[in-house]
Structures are given as structure tokens and as C-alpha cells.
Amino acid sequence: MSLDTYLLDRSKTVDAALNRFLPRATTKPATLHKAMRYSIFAGGKRMRPILTLAAAEACGGEIEDALYAACAVECVHTYSLIHDDLPCMDDDDFRRGRPTSHKVFGEGIAVLTGDALVTQAFDILAQAKETPRYKIRDYILELSGAAGSLYLIAGQVADLEAEGKKSTRSELRFIHEGKTAAMIVVSLRLGGMSANATPKAVLALTEFGKNLGLAFQVIDDILDITQTSEKLGKSAGKDVAAQKTTYPSLIGLKAARAEAKRLTSAAHKALDPIRKADRLHELADYLLNREY
């Protein structure tokens, strides 16, 4: 199928699974469960769970077996967005084209919604199917490591502390590796693991994800200054307003585009050990050339 059809099909598959895994909106406390569903089903691209499914397919696995990891990753990602948008963090009123959680439900409920989603992620992942090489313990350690104080949260902390300061290129890379690339890497690794991939294949997915994640963030930084809020589905120009160092501000727009292309080429190269990686190659090019 075409990439557009693939993205739509896999997005619907992930949404159906998330609908099964999450408590119903009427389950007490209804406000919390309504808020969880509001943010989960706000129309995101589902890129991380789709990468999980694509990695599983590339390693000869089944989509059904990878869905637990895919949905767990999406829950963690959505929790991070809810918290990132809070007034004490990036203070954004819009996400995925609609008002952010705290604007609809209040800051207290938004915090608790993020808390609930990150714990829901591990509830889902604990139900995944084990393989000869990988057990539930391995899945849990993968996601907790990527989402914890050494990567995702580390990137968020470094990002906050860097506001109003001129970061170096190495400091900027640290932020991007934690805040963005780590969750893309773990999405791919969990997909491969669900397919009982060899250590060599998982390593290839890891290198692919590191480069893809960095390229993804560079493109995000570029789009923040070149696109409208309507196109992005979130407030444009936030990085400039917050005086954040980005690749465009550090090395210029033209050089930033070149860096994104270089990282994407490195991502393609990393997939050499995986023979059925055509879809992953397509996704890498899609993310490089996206406009939102």
C-alpha cells in the first residue's frame, strides 16, 4: 500500500487498540478519564506507535503483538505533551489543533491526567506477549529507561534550564537526544523486540532511531519559525519567544536543513542490516519532508 494509506491504516489500528486499553470516559472519576481520552484522541499523527509497528514488521513480527508496546509509547508521549504544555513548563494553549488539557480541565486535572497516562502505559505494556529473547521485564526496562530521569525527563529539565541562554551545539544535542530521540528510539526497539529481533537488528533500529529522532527535532525547530500555528496545530514561534537555542538559531536555517538531511541519511544507512526495512526508509523520508 502507499505510504499515505499505510499511515492512515496503522493510525486507525492504534486508535482502536487505545480505545480498548483506556478506561471508558464514564468510569469514575469521570473527569479524569474524560481528560485522558481528550488528549489521547486529539488527532495526533501517531508517528511513534507507527514506528513501533513498522519496526516489528521489518523484523518479521505481527502487528497484533506490537500493539501493546505501540499504545504504551503513545500514552507516555501524550503524557509528556500534557505536562510540557503546562504554564510552569512551555505554557502553550494549543496542541494537535485544539485547546490543551489544562485549558479545558484545569491545571490540577491536567497534571493528574499526565500521571494517569504514564502509569497506564506500563499497565498496557505488562500485557504484551513475551518472545524467546525478550520478557516483560525487558519491555518495562526499555520504556522506563527512555521515559525516565536520564532521557525524556532529562531533556525536559535541560530544555527548561536553557531558556534565555545561548546553548552550545553539544548542549542542544543533549536536549534533543533526551526530549525527542529517546522516545523514538524506544518505539523502534520495542517494535523489534516484540518480533523477537536479533540483537544485531535491535542495534540497527537503535542507530536508526537516534539519527531519525535528532532529524525529527531539527525539522520541528525549522517548522516552528517557518509555519503558522494553524498548520502546526500548536503555537508557532514559541522557541523564539522563549529565547530557546535551536539549530536554526545556532547555525542558521540553511545549515539546519542540511543537518536534518545528513541525519536522515545516517538513519537510512543504519538500516543496512535489516532486509525488509523499506517502510522504515519511507517513514524517514516522510518525516524529513513534512510540513507540520
C-alpha atoms as a PDB file:
ATOM      1  CA  MET A   1       0.000   0.000   0.000  1.00  0.00           C
ATOM      2  CA  SER A   2       1.045   3.621  -0.445  1.00  0.00           C
ATOM      3  CA  LEU A   3       2.644   5.407   2.494  1.00  0.00           C
ATOM      4  CA  ASP A   4      -0.394   7.670   2.941  1.00  0.00           C
ATOM      5  CA  THR A   5      -2.674   4.636   3.082  1.00  0.00           C
ATOM      6  CA  TYR A   6      -0.261   2.869   5.427  1.00  0.00           C
ATOM      7  CA  LEU A   7      -0.172   5.830   7.828  1.00  0.00           C
ATOM      8  CA  LEU A   8      -3.965   6.086   7.885  1.00  0.00           C
ATOM      9  CA  ASP A   9      -4.444   2.343   8.332  1.00  0.00           C
ATOM     10  CA  ARG A  10      -1.902   1.993  11.142  1.00  0.00           C
ATOM     11  CA  SER A  11      -3.200   5.116  12.876  1.00  0.00           C
ATOM     12  CA  LYS A  12      -6.702   3.641  12.920  1.00  0.00           C
ATOM     13  CA  THR A  13      -5.326   0.357  14.240  1.00  0.00           C
ATOM     14  CA  VAL A  14      -3.536   2.136  17.092  1.00  0.00           C
ATOM     15  CA  ASP A  15      -6.610   4.230  17.895  1.00  0.00           C
ATOM     16  CA  ALA A  16      -8.812   1.138  18.098  1.00  0.00           C
ATOM     17  CA  ALA A  17      -6.352  -0.528  20.458  1.00  0.00           C
ATOM     18  CA  LEU A  18      -6.061   2.578  22.644  1.00  0.00           C
ATOM     19  CA  ASN A  19      -9.837   2.725  22.830  1.00  0.00           C
ATOM     20  CA  ARG A  20      -9.831  -0.819  24.231  1.00  0.00           C
ATOM     21  CA  PHE A  21      -6.998  -0.237  26.681  1.00  0.00           C
ATOM     22  CA  LEU A  22      -8.119   3.058  28.227  1.00  0.00           C
ATOM     23  CA  PRO A  23     -10.901   3.220  30.818  1.00  0.00           C
ATOM     24  CA  ARG A  24     -14.204   4.463  29.481  1.00  0.00           C
ATOM     25  CA  ALA A  25     -14.888   8.184  29.821  1.00  0.00           C
ATOM     26  CA  THR A  26     -17.762   7.435  32.218  1.00  0.00           C
ATOM     27  CA  THR A  27     -15.602   5.389  34.609  1.00  0.00           C
ATOM     28  CA  LYS A  28     -15.216   7.143  37.974  1.00  0.00           C
ATOM     29  CA  PRO A  29     -13.636   9.638  38.317  1.00  0.00           C
ATOM     30  CA  ALA A  30     -15.209  10.566  35.013  1.00  0.00           C
ATOM     31  CA  THR A  31     -13.404  13.922  34.753  1.00  0.00           C
ATOM     32  CA  LEU A  32     -10.014  12.197  34.795  1.00  0.00           C
ATOM     33  CA  HIS A  33     -10.915   9.506  32.273  1.00  0.00           C
ATOM     34  CA  LYS A  34     -12.590  12.035  30.003  1.00  0.00           C
ATOM     35  CA  ALA A  35      -9.408  14.130  30.146  1.00  0.00           C
ATOM     36  CA  MET A  36      -7.218  11.114  29.343  1.00  0.00           C
ATOM     37  CA  ARG A  37      -9.275  10.367  26.262  1.00  0.00           C
ATOM     38  CA  TYR A  38      -9.457  14.039  25.278  1.00  0.00           C
ATOM     39  CA  SER A  39      -5.680  14.236  24.917  1.00  0.00           C
ATOM     40  CA  ILE A  40      -5.089  10.721  23.566  1.00  0.00           C
ATOM     41  CA  PHE A  41      -7.686  11.125  20.831  1.00  0.00           C
ATOM     42  CA  ALA A  42      -6.836  14.724  19.946  1.00  0.00           C
ATOM     43  CA  GLY A  43      -5.741  13.810  16.417  1.00  0.00           C
ATOM     44  CA  GLY A  44      -2.005  13.291  16.686  1.00  0.00           C
ATOM     45  CA  LYS A  45      -0.023  11.746  13.833  1.00  0.00           C
ATOM     46  CA  ARG A  46       0.690   8.580  15.895  1.00  0.00           C
ATOM     47  CA  MET A  47       4.209   8.586  14.495  1.00  0.00           C
ATOM     48  CA  ARG A  48       5.867   6.848  17.446  1.00  0.00           C
ATOM     49  CA  PRO A  49       3.441   3.911  17.618  1.00  0.00           C
ATOM     50  CA  ILE A  50       3.515   3.640  13.836  1.00  0.00           C
ATOM     51  CA  LEU A  51       7.307   3.352  14.024  1.00  0.00           C
ATOM     52  CA  THR A  52       6.821   0.579  16.584  1.00  0.00           C
ATOM     53  CA  LEU A  53       4.556  -1.333  14.218  1.00  0.00           C
ATOM     54  CA  ALA A  54       6.827  -0.715  11.232  1.00  0.00           C
ATOM     55  CA  ALA A  55       9.872  -1.944  13.171  1.00  0.00           C
ATOM     56  CA  ALA A  56       8.010  -5.101  14.131  1.00  0.00           C
ATOM     57  CA  GLU A  57       7.038  -5.724  10.526  1.00  0.00           C
ATOM     58  CA  ALA A  58      10.603  -5.083   9.348  1.00  0.00           C
ATOM     59  CA  CYS A  59      11.812  -7.781  11.751  1.00  0.00           C
ATOM     60  CA  GLY A  60       9.182 -10.312  10.670  1.00  0.00           C
ATOM     61  CA  GLY A  61       6.747  -9.761  13.529  1.00  0.00           C
ATOM     62  CA  GLU A  62       2.989  -9.356  13.767  1.00  0.00           C
ATOM     63  CA  ILE A  63       1.203  -6.051  14.258  1.00  0.00           C
ATOM     64  CA  GLU A  64      -1.029  -7.547  16.954  1.00  0.00           C
ATOM     65  CA  ASP A  65       1.990  -8.475  19.067  1.00  0.00           C
ATOM     66  CA  ALA A  66       3.489  -4.984  18.725  1.00  0.00           C
ATOM     67  CA  LEU A  67       0.300  -3.077  19.577  1.00  0.00           C
ATOM     68  CA  TYR A  68       0.878  -3.257  23.328  1.00  0.00           C
ATOM     69  CA  ALA A  69       4.220  -1.510  23.002  1.00  0.00           C
ATOM     70  CA  ALA A  70       2.844   0.918  20.414  1.00  0.00           C
ATOM     71  CA  CYS A  71      -0.001   2.010  22.690  1.00  0.00           C
ATOM     72  CA  ALA A  72       2.267   2.211  25.736  1.00  0.00           C
ATOM     73  CA  VAL A  73       4.623   4.508  23.852  1.00  0.00           C
ATOM     74  CA  GLU A  74       1.745   6.729  22.745  1.00  0.00           C
ATOM     75  CA  CYS A  75       0.486   7.032  26.344  1.00  0.00           C
ATOM     76  CA  VAL A  76       3.925   8.153  27.520  1.00  0.00           C
ATOM     77  CA  HIS A  77       4.247  10.573  24.612  1.00  0.00           C
ATOM     78  CA  THR A  78       0.827  12.119  25.277  1.00  0.00           C
ATOM     79  CA  TYR A  79       1.559  12.476  28.995  1.00  0.00           C
ATOM     80  CA  SER A  80       4.772  14.329  28.129  1.00  0.00           C
ATOM     81  CA  LEU A  81       2.858  16.718  25.865  1.00  0.00           C
ATOM     82  CA  ILE A  82       0.244  17.454  28.537  1.00  0.00           C
ATOM     83  CA  HIS A  83       2.924  18.292  31.081  1.00  0.00           C
ATOM     84  CA  ASP A  84       5.058  20.156  28.530  1.00  0.00           C
ATOM     85  CA  ASP A  85       2.135  22.464  27.741  1.00  0.00           C
ATOM     86  CA  LEU A  86       1.524  23.456  31.382  1.00  0.00           C
ATOM     87  CA  PRO A  87       2.078  27.119  32.352  1.00  0.00           C
ATOM     88  CA  CYS A  88       5.037  26.113  34.530  1.00  0.00           C
ATOM     89  CA  MET A  89       6.678  24.452  31.515  1.00  0.00           C
ATOM     90  CA  ASP A  90       6.262  25.651  27.891  1.00  0.00           C
ATOM     91  CA  ASP A  91       2.895  27.299  28.608  1.00  0.00           C
ATOM     92  CA  ASP A  92       1.005  26.508  25.416  1.00  0.00           C
ATOM     93  CA  ASP A  93      -2.721  26.900  24.831  1.00  0.00           C
ATOM     94  CA  PHE A  94      -2.966  24.630  21.780  1.00  0.00           C
ATOM     95  CA  ARG A  95      -1.822  21.127  20.924  1.00  0.00           C
ATOM     96  CA  ARG A  96      -2.832  18.958  17.978  1.00  0.00           C
ATOM     97  CA  GLY A  97      -5.110  21.733  16.773  1.00  0.00           C
ATOM     98  CA  ARG A  98      -7.247  22.035  19.898  1.00  0.00           C
ATOM     99  CA  PRO A  99      -7.034  23.648  23.363  1.00  0.00           C
ATOM    100  CA  THR A 100      -4.507  21.948  25.631  1.00  0.00           C
ATOM    101  CA  SER A 101      -5.603  19.788  28.543  1.00  0.00           C
ATOM    102  CA  HIS A 102      -5.070  22.417  31.229  1.00  0.00           C
ATOM    103  CA  LYS A 103      -7.102  24.965  29.256  1.00  0.00           C
ATOM    104  CA  VAL A 104     -10.066  22.578  29.172  1.00  0.00           C
ATOM    105  CA  PHE A 105      -9.833  20.747  32.503  1.00  0.00           C
ATOM    106  CA  GLY A 106      -7.653  22.999  34.655  1.00  0.00           C
ATOM    107  CA  GLU A 107      -4.029  22.623  35.693  1.00  0.00           C
ATOM    108  CA  GLY A 108      -4.622  20.173  38.527  1.00  0.00           C
ATOM    109  CA  ILE A 109      -6.563  17.698  36.389  1.00  0.00           C
ATOM    110  CA  ALA A 110      -4.032  18.101  33.566  1.00  0.00           C
ATOM    111  CA  VAL A 111      -1.179  17.124  35.885  1.00  0.00           C
ATOM    112  CA  LEU A 112      -3.114  14.103  37.134  1.00  0.00           C
ATOM    113  CA  THR A 113      -4.105  13.161  33.576  1.00  0.00           C
ATOM    114  CA  GLY A 114      -0.444  13.017  32.595  1.00  0.00           C
ATOM    115  CA  ASP A 115       0.286  10.957  35.712  1.00  0.00           C
ATOM    116  CA  ALA A 116      -2.536   8.560  34.847  1.00  0.00           C
ATOM    117  CA  LEU A 117      -1.387   8.132  31.247  1.00  0.00           C
ATOM    118  CA  VAL A 118       2.210   7.331  32.140  1.00  0.00           C
ATOM    119  CA  THR A 119       1.079   4.667  34.611  1.00  0.00           C
ATOM    120  CA  GLN A 120      -1.470   3.381  32.099  1.00  0.00           C
ATOM    121  CA  ALA A 121       1.412   2.879  29.680  1.00  0.00           C
ATOM    122  CA  PHE A 122       3.054   0.304  31.940  1.00  0.00           C
ATOM    123  CA  ASP A 123      -0.285  -1.402  32.606  1.00  0.00           C
ATOM    124  CA  ILE A 124      -0.618  -1.894  28.838  1.00  0.00           C
ATOM    125  CA  LEU A 125       2.994  -2.943  28.308  1.00  0.00           C
ATOM    126  CA  ALA A 126       2.769  -5.537  31.088  1.00  0.00           C
ATOM    127  CA  GLN A 127       0.163  -7.359  28.968  1.00  0.00           C
ATOM    128  CA  ALA A 128       2.494  -7.733  25.969  1.00  0.00           C
ATOM    129  CA  LYS A 129       3.400 -11.132  24.579  1.00  0.00           C
ATOM    130  CA  GLU A 130       6.841 -12.418  25.551  1.00  0.00           C
ATOM    131  CA  THR A 131       9.211 -13.880  22.962  1.00  0.00           C
ATOM    132  CA  PRO A 132      12.069 -16.373  23.299  1.00  0.00           C
ATOM    133  CA  ARG A 133      14.556 -13.481  23.581  1.00  0.00           C
ATOM    134  CA  TYR A 134      12.546 -10.801  25.397  1.00  0.00           C
ATOM    135  CA  LYS A 135      10.406 -10.941  28.535  1.00  0.00           C
ATOM    136  CA  ILE A 136       8.004  -8.455  30.108  1.00  0.00           C
ATOM    137  CA  ARG A 137      10.844  -7.284  32.347  1.00  0.00           C
ATOM    138  CA  ASP A 138      12.849  -6.316  29.256  1.00  0.00           C
ATOM    139  CA  TYR A 139       9.972  -4.309  27.801  1.00  0.00           C
ATOM    140  CA  ILE A 140       9.386  -2.478  31.080  1.00  0.00           C
ATOM    141  CA  LEU A 141      13.065  -1.619  31.492  1.00  0.00           C
ATOM    142  CA  GLU A 142      13.221  -0.275  27.937  1.00  0.00           C
ATOM    143  CA  LEU A 143      10.299   2.114  28.362  1.00  0.00           C
ATOM    144  CA  SER A 144      11.079   3.181  31.926  1.00  0.00           C
ATOM    145  CA  GLY A 145      14.651   3.954  30.933  1.00  0.00           C
ATOM    146  CA  ALA A 146      13.690   6.074  27.926  1.00  0.00           C
ATOM    147  CA  ALA A 147      10.937   7.918  29.817  1.00  0.00           C
ATOM    148  CA  GLY A 148      12.918   8.483  32.995  1.00  0.00           C
ATOM    149  CA  SER A 149      15.380  10.934  34.506  1.00  0.00           C
ATOM    150  CA  LEU A 150      18.238  10.028  32.173  1.00  0.00           C
ATOM    151  CA  TYR A 151      16.472  10.686  28.869  1.00  0.00           C
ATOM    152  CA  LEU A 152      12.954  12.134  28.356  1.00  0.00           C
ATOM    153  CA  ILE A 153      12.778  13.978  31.669  1.00  0.00           C
ATOM    154  CA  ALA A 154      16.472  14.876  31.491  1.00  0.00           C
ATOM    155  CA  GLY A 155      15.836  16.533  28.139  1.00  0.00           C
ATOM    156  CA  GLN A 156      12.882  18.451  29.556  1.00  0.00           C
ATOM    157  CA  VAL A 157      14.945  19.684  32.513  1.00  0.00           C
ATOM    158  CA  ALA A 158      17.838  20.744  30.289  1.00  0.00           C
ATOM    159  CA  ASP A 159      15.393  22.487  27.963  1.00  0.00           C
ATOM    160  CA  LEU A 160      13.901  24.480  30.850  1.00  0.00           C
ATOM    161  CA  GLU A 161      17.288  25.411  32.238  1.00  0.00           C
ATOM    162  CA  ALA A 162      18.490  26.550  28.813  1.00  0.00           C
ATOM    163  CA  GLU A 163      15.738  29.135  28.302  1.00  0.00           C
ATOM    164  CA  GLY A 164      17.162  32.598  27.844  1.00  0.00           C
ATOM    165  CA  LYS A 165      20.685  31.234  27.491  1.00  0.00           C
ATOM    166  CA  LYS A 166      22.908  30.543  24.487  1.00  0.00           C
ATOM    167  CA  SER A 167      23.439  26.788  24.413  1.00  0.00           C
ATOM    168  CA  THR A 168      26.358  25.100  22.712  1.00  0.00           C
ATOM    169  CA  ARG A 169      25.839  22.546  19.988  1.00  0.00           C
ATOM    170  CA  SER A 170      26.647  19.687  22.387  1.00  0.00           C
ATOM    171  CA  GLU A 171      24.171  21.051  24.951  1.00  0.00           C
ATOM    172  CA  LEU A 172      21.494  21.330  22.279  1.00  0.00           C
ATOM    173  CA  ARG A 173      22.155  17.772  21.154  1.00  0.00           C
ATOM    174  CA  PHE A 174      21.768  16.557  24.749  1.00  0.00           C
ATOM    175  CA  ILE A 175      18.343  18.203  24.936  1.00  0.00           C
ATOM    176  CA  HIS A 176      17.243  16.685  21.632  1.00  0.00           C
ATOM    177  CA  GLU A 177      18.578  13.221  22.463  1.00  0.00           C
ATOM    178  CA  GLY A 178      16.577  13.171  25.681  1.00  0.00           C
ATOM    179  CA  LYS A 179      13.459  15.140  24.841  1.00  0.00           C
ATOM    180  CA  THR A 180      12.804  13.712  21.391  1.00  0.00           C
ATOM    181  CA  ALA A 181      15.143  10.988  20.157  1.00  0.00           C
ATOM    182  CA  ALA A 182      14.883   8.702  23.210  1.00  0.00           C
ATOM    183  CA  MET A 183      11.163   8.042  22.724  1.00  0.00           C
ATOM    184  CA  ILE A 184      11.640   7.430  19.018  1.00  0.00           C
ATOM    185  CA  VAL A 185      14.468   5.008  19.759  1.00  0.00           C
ATOM    186  CA  VAL A 186      12.431   3.075  22.315  1.00  0.00           C
ATOM    187  CA  SER A 187       9.450   2.951  19.949  1.00  0.00           C
ATOM    188  CA  LEU A 188      11.609   1.183  17.372  1.00  0.00           C
ATOM    189  CA  ARG A 189      13.412  -1.047  19.849  1.00  0.00           C
ATOM    190  CA  LEU A 190      10.166  -2.272  21.407  1.00  0.00           C
ATOM    191  CA  GLY A 191       8.768  -2.991  17.951  1.00  0.00           C
ATOM    192  CA  GLY A 192      11.794  -5.086  17.101  1.00  0.00           C
ATOM    193  CA  MET A 193      11.721  -6.847  20.454  1.00  0.00           C
ATOM    194  CA  SER A 194       8.041  -7.754  20.022  1.00  0.00           C
ATOM    195  CA  ALA A 195       9.139  -9.548  16.831  1.00  0.00           C
ATOM    196  CA  ASN A 196      11.938 -11.432  18.655  1.00  0.00           C
ATOM    197  CA  ALA A 197      14.503  -9.495  16.607  1.00  0.00           C
ATOM    198  CA  THR A 198      18.156 -10.432  16.877  1.00  0.00           C
ATOM    199  CA  PRO A 199      20.460  -8.185  18.935  1.00  0.00           C
ATOM    200  CA  LYS A 200      22.036  -7.052  15.649  1.00  0.00           C
ATOM    201  CA  ALA A 201      18.652  -5.952  14.302  1.00  0.00           C
ATOM    202  CA  VAL A 202      17.740  -4.153  17.539  1.00  0.00           C
ATOM    203  CA  LEU A 203      21.077  -2.326  17.412  1.00  0.00           C
ATOM    204  CA  ALA A 204      20.343  -1.263  13.830  1.00  0.00           C
ATOM    205  CA  LEU A 205      16.919   0.032  14.907  1.00  0.00           C
ATOM    206  CA  THR A 206      18.597   1.901  17.753  1.00  0.00           C
ATOM    207  CA  GLU A 207      21.048   3.708  15.470  1.00  0.00           C
ATOM    208  CA  PHE A 208      18.264   4.411  13.005  1.00  0.00           C
ATOM    209  CA  GLY A 209      16.146   5.875  15.812  1.00  0.00           C
ATOM    210  CA  LYS A 210      18.901   8.074  17.227  1.00  0.00           C
ATOM    211  CA  ASN A 211      19.511   9.749  13.891  1.00  0.00           C
ATOM    212  CA  LEU A 212      15.834   9.872  12.974  1.00  0.00           C
ATOM    213  CA  GLY A 213      14.941  11.405  16.337  1.00  0.00           C
ATOM    214  CA  LEU A 214      17.552  14.134  16.032  1.00  0.00           C
ATOM    215  CA  ALA A 215      16.465  14.901  12.466  1.00  0.00           C
ATOM    216  CA  PHE A 216      12.836  14.992  13.638  1.00  0.00           C
ATOM    217  CA  GLN A 217      13.641  17.654  16.238  1.00  0.00           C
ATOM    218  CA  VAL A 218      15.713  19.747  13.827  1.00  0.00           C
ATOM    219  CA  ILE A 219      12.755  19.776  11.429  1.00  0.00           C
ATOM    220  CA  ASP A 220      10.446  20.683  14.338  1.00  0.00           C
ATOM    221  CA  ASP A 221      12.683  23.648  15.126  1.00  0.00           C
ATOM    222  CA  ILE A 222      12.624  24.721  11.481  1.00  0.00           C
ATOM    223  CA  LEU A 223       8.841  24.433  11.241  1.00  0.00           C
ATOM    224  CA  ASP A 224       8.435  26.494  14.420  1.00  0.00           C
ATOM    225  CA  ILE A 225       9.791  29.529  12.548  1.00  0.00           C
ATOM    226  CA  THR A 226       8.535  28.787   9.023  1.00  0.00           C
ATOM    227  CA  GLN A 227       4.958  27.603   9.531  1.00  0.00           C
ATOM    228  CA  THR A 228       1.761  29.053  11.013  1.00  0.00           C
ATOM    229  CA  SER A 229       0.049  27.902  14.189  1.00  0.00           C
ATOM    230  CA  GLU A 230      -2.871  26.693  12.091  1.00  0.00           C
ATOM    231  CA  LYS A 231      -0.592  24.476  10.022  1.00  0.00           C
ATOM    232  CA  LEU A 232       1.296  23.096  13.009  1.00  0.00           C
ATOM    233  CA  GLY A 233      -1.704  22.562  15.260  1.00  0.00           C
ATOM    234  CA  LYS A 234       0.224  24.273  18.067  1.00  0.00           C
ATOM    235  CA  SER A 235       1.584  27.742  18.735  1.00  0.00           C
ATOM    236  CA  ALA A 236       4.257  28.710  16.221  1.00  0.00           C
ATOM    237  CA  GLY A 237       7.194  30.918  17.175  1.00  0.00           C
ATOM    238  CA  LYS A 238       7.343  29.555  20.722  1.00  0.00           C
ATOM    239  CA  ASP A 239      11.077  28.850  20.616  1.00  0.00           C
ATOM    240  CA  VAL A 240      11.930  32.423  19.676  1.00  0.00           C
ATOM    241  CA  ALA A 241       9.556  33.835  22.289  1.00  0.00           C
ATOM    242  CA  ALA A 242      11.107  31.646  24.992  1.00  0.00           C
ATOM    243  CA  GLN A 243      14.620  32.556  23.807  1.00  0.00           C
ATOM    244  CA  LYS A 244      15.489  28.916  23.254  1.00  0.00           C
ATOM    245  CA  THR A 245      18.554  27.811  21.358  1.00  0.00           C
ATOM    246  CA  THR A 246      17.587  25.766  18.317  1.00  0.00           C
ATOM    247  CA  TYR A 247      19.521  24.532  15.312  1.00  0.00           C
ATOM    248  CA  PRO A 248      18.183  27.385  13.134  1.00  0.00           C
ATOM    249  CA  SER A 249      19.175  29.969  15.755  1.00  0.00           C
ATOM    250  CA  LEU A 250      22.547  28.323  16.353  1.00  0.00           C
ATOM    251  CA  ILE A 251      23.729  27.556  12.822  1.00  0.00           C
ATOM    252  CA  GLY A 252      21.157  29.206  10.551  1.00  0.00           C
ATOM    253  CA  LEU A 253      18.154  27.912   8.636  1.00  0.00           C
ATOM    254  CA  LYS A 254      20.062  26.647   5.594  1.00  0.00           C
ATOM    255  CA  ALA A 255      22.613  24.758   7.686  1.00  0.00           C
ATOM    256  CA  ALA A 256      19.831  23.347   9.868  1.00  0.00           C
ATOM    257  CA  ARG A 257      18.106  21.899   6.801  1.00  0.00           C
ATOM    258  CA  ALA A 258      21.423  20.378   5.725  1.00  0.00           C
ATOM    259  CA  GLU A 259      21.873  18.866   9.189  1.00  0.00           C
ATOM    260  CA  ALA A 260      18.420  17.284   9.055  1.00  0.00           C
ATOM    261  CA  LYS A 261      19.275  15.750   5.672  1.00  0.00           C
ATOM    262  CA  ARG A 262      22.631  14.484   6.972  1.00  0.00           C
ATOM    263  CA  LEU A 263      20.983  12.858   9.994  1.00  0.00           C
ATOM    264  CA  THR A 264      18.309  11.273   7.801  1.00  0.00           C
ATOM    265  CA  SER A 265      20.992   9.836   5.508  1.00  0.00           C
ATOM    266  CA  ALA A 266      22.715   8.361   8.560  1.00  0.00           C
ATOM    267  CA  ALA A 267      19.381   6.872   9.630  1.00  0.00           C
ATOM    268  CA  HIS A 268      18.971   5.205   6.237  1.00  0.00           C
ATOM    269  CA  LYS A 269      22.493   3.789   6.447  1.00  0.00           C
ATOM    270  CA  ALA A 270      21.843   2.337   9.890  1.00  0.00           C
ATOM    271  CA  LEU A 271      19.123   0.100   8.459  1.00  0.00           C
ATOM    272  CA  ASP A 272      21.533  -1.831   6.216  1.00  0.00           C
ATOM    273  CA  PRO A 273      21.419  -4.988   8.409  1.00  0.00           C
ATOM    274  CA  ILE A 274      17.601  -5.175   8.123  1.00  0.00           C
ATOM    275  CA  ARG A 275      16.463  -6.561   4.788  1.00  0.00           C
ATOM    276  CA  LYS A 276      12.752  -5.686   4.984  1.00  0.00           C
ATOM    277  CA  ALA A 277      13.128  -2.059   6.052  1.00  0.00           C
ATOM    278  CA  ASP A 278      11.523  -0.378   3.028  1.00  0.00           C
ATOM    279  CA  ARG A 279       8.689   1.088   5.083  1.00  0.00           C
ATOM    280  CA  LEU A 280      11.100   2.474   7.677  1.00  0.00           C
ATOM    281  CA  HIS A 281      13.066   4.131   4.879  1.00  0.00           C
ATOM    282  CA  GLU A 282       9.838   5.690   3.585  1.00  0.00           C
ATOM    283  CA  LEU A 283       8.933   6.962   7.046  1.00  0.00           C
ATOM    284  CA  ALA A 284      12.353   8.572   7.460  1.00  0.00           C
ATOM    285  CA  ASP A 285      11.940  10.498   4.211  1.00  0.00           C
ATOM    286  CA  TYR A 286       8.376  11.412   5.129  1.00  0.00           C
ATOM    287  CA  LEU A 287       9.496  12.926   8.435  1.00  0.00           C
ATOM    288  CA  LEU A 288      12.303  14.857   6.749  1.00  0.00           C
ATOM    289  CA  ASN A 289       9.964  16.418   4.204  1.00  0.00           C
ATOM    290  CA  ARG A 290       6.943  17.045   6.445  1.00  0.00           C
ATOM    291  CA  GLU A 291       5.364  20.484   6.725  1.00  0.00           C
ATOM    292  CA  TYR A 292       3.748  20.096  10.178  1.00  0.00           C
END
